[in-house]
Each structure stands twice: as structure tokens, then as C-alpha cells.
Amino acid sequence: MPIGGFVVNILPEQRKTVLKALAPYPEVEVYGDDQRGHLIVVIETESSEEMEALVERLSQIEGVINFDLAYLHGEDEVKKIEAGEIRPKIRFSRYRSRSEGLS
């Protein structure tokens, strides 16, 4: 079961909207935020692929600028990775430019 820690940069004026949009996700816990547009988020999923898909979805929330992986702990998957049974497909950053719909 991977656990990922992320630094999420958001538009400061969208802070309440982004926090509200993250609230329904049981896999997501916001550990901190500030008025300058920084969130500290921890995500726990069943697999790396689930985390990848969830981060991709969360990156599309209006007001999110980028979703950067700060750490990843996947002890359950390490043995499978070492054995070549699985290969994680996690990207390390999500970024949307204003031209991609960031308002």
C-alpha cells in the first residue's frame, strides 16, 4: 500500500475551493495549508497505479497549479518491484499552465 506525500501549489484565492474539492476523498489527508497557496497532502492507496490515477484527477481541480511528489513509501510493493512483477508508473510532478485551463 503506497503512501505519498505531496506539496500542492494552488492559486491562493482558490484555497477554500480546493480544500473543499479534496475533502470527499478518503484517501487524501491535508496536513497543512497556508495563505500563500501551499498545501501538504498525504495520499494512501492500494496500488501505485491507483495513486497515479487519483493524483491525475486531483491535478485537474480548478485552482491547482501543480502537484509535486515529495516522498513515496511503498513497502508492500517493494518486493514485487524487486522481483520484476510490477513496475510503478508514477510521475513526479503535475503542472497545468494558464493555457491549459488554469484560471
Protein backbone atom coordinates (compact mmCIF):
# COMPACT_ATOMS: atom_id res chain seq x y z
CA MET A 1 0.00 0.00 0.00
CA PRO A 2 1.83 3.13 -1.17
CA ILE A 3 1.75 6.33 0.82
CA GLY A 4 2.73 9.52 -0.96
CA GLY A 5 3.45 12.95 0.44
CA PHE A 6 2.81 15.86 -1.90
CA VAL A 7 3.35 19.59 -1.95
CA VAL A 8 0.45 21.12 -3.83
CA ASN A 9 0.70 24.67 -5.10
CA ILE A 10 -2.61 26.40 -5.66
CA LEU A 11 -3.88 29.83 -6.51
CA PRO A 12 -4.22 31.49 -3.08
CA GLU A 13 -7.62 32.94 -3.93
CA GLN A 14 -8.87 29.38 -4.70
CA ARG A 15 -7.72 27.94 -1.35
CA LYS A 16 -11.17 27.27 0.13
CA THR A 17 -12.45 25.84 -3.16
CA VAL A 18 -9.51 23.43 -3.48
CA LEU A 19 -9.74 22.30 0.14
CA LYS A 20 -13.46 21.67 -0.30
CA ALA A 21 -12.80 19.68 -3.50
CA LEU A 22 -10.23 17.47 -1.72
CA ALA A 23 -12.46 16.77 1.31
CA PRO A 24 -14.61 13.96 -0.21
CA TYR A 25 -11.60 11.76 -0.99
CA PRO A 26 -10.99 9.32 1.92
CA GLU A 27 -7.51 8.52 0.53
CA VAL A 28 -6.47 12.17 0.86
CA GLU A 29 -5.47 13.95 4.04
CA VAL A 30 -4.44 17.60 4.10
CA TYR A 31 -1.87 18.10 6.83
CA GLY A 32 -1.30 21.79 6.33
CA ASP A 33 -2.02 24.80 4.20
CA ASP A 34 -1.17 28.46 4.16
CA GLN A 35 -2.48 31.71 2.75
CA ARG A 36 0.25 31.77 0.05
CA GLY A 37 -1.14 28.74 -1.77
CA HIS A 38 0.76 25.75 -0.39
CA LEU A 39 -0.83 22.52 0.77
CA ILE A 40 0.81 19.49 2.37
CA VAL A 41 -1.16 16.41 1.30
CA VAL A 42 -0.74 12.71 2.07
CA ILE A 43 -2.40 10.11 -0.15
CA GLU A 44 -2.72 6.42 0.70
CA THR A 45 -3.99 3.99 -1.95
CA GLU A 46 -3.98 0.26 -2.62
CA SER A 47 -1.50 0.49 -5.51
CA SER A 48 0.84 2.87 -7.29
CA GLU A 49 -1.50 2.83 -10.28
CA GLU A 50 -4.42 3.94 -8.10
CA MET A 51 -2.28 6.74 -6.68
CA GLU A 52 -1.26 7.81 -10.18
CA ALA A 53 -4.89 7.94 -11.33
CA LEU A 54 -6.02 9.80 -8.23
CA VAL A 55 -3.23 12.37 -8.47
CA GLU A 56 -4.08 12.89 -12.13
CA ARG A 57 -7.73 13.54 -11.18
CA LEU A 58 -6.82 15.85 -8.30
CA SER A 59 -4.44 17.81 -10.52
CA GLN A 60 -7.44 18.88 -12.59
CA ILE A 61 -9.17 20.63 -9.70
CA GLU A 62 -9.72 24.27 -10.52
CA GLY A 63 -7.08 26.36 -8.78
CA VAL A 64 -4.41 23.64 -8.59
CA ILE A 65 -1.16 24.78 -10.21
CA ASN A 66 0.99 21.72 -9.56
CA PHE A 67 1.01 18.53 -7.54
CA ASP A 68 4.60 17.56 -6.63
CA LEU A 69 5.60 14.26 -5.08
CA ALA A 70 7.82 14.87 -2.04
CA TYR A 71 8.10 11.27 -0.83
CA LEU A 72 6.73 7.85 -1.65
CA HIS A 73 6.65 4.87 0.69
CA GLY A 74 5.61 1.62 -0.91
CA GLU A 75 6.96 -1.14 1.31
CA ASP A 76 4.21 -3.54 0.24
CA GLU A 77 5.16 -3.10 -3.40
CA VAL A 78 8.95 -3.10 -2.99
CA LYS A 79 9.27 -6.90 -3.06
CA LYS A 80 7.10 -7.11 -6.18
CA ILE A 81 9.12 -4.34 -7.83
CA GLU A 82 12.41 -6.04 -6.95
CA ALA A 83 11.10 -9.32 -8.33
CA GLY A 84 10.08 -7.58 -11.54
CA GLU A 85 6.42 -8.42 -11.02
CA ILE A 86 5.29 -4.81 -11.21
CA ARG A 87 6.75 -1.55 -12.44
CA PRO A 88 5.43 1.68 -10.88
CA LYS A 89 4.33 4.35 -13.31
CA ILE A 90 4.29 7.38 -11.02
CA ARG A 91 5.28 10.72 -12.49
CA PHE A 92 6.89 13.14 -10.09
CA SER A 93 5.04 16.33 -10.90
CA ARG A 94 1.78 17.65 -12.25
CA TYR A 95 1.62 21.12 -13.71
CA ARG A 96 -1.11 22.99 -15.53
CA SER A 97 -0.38 26.23 -17.33
CA ARG A 98 -2.91 29.02 -17.73
CA SER A 99 -3.34 27.96 -21.37
CA GLU A 100 -4.47 24.51 -20.15
CA GLY A 101 -7.37 25.95 -18.21
CA LEU A 102 -5.78 27.25 -15.03
CA SER A 103 -7.71 30.33 -14.08
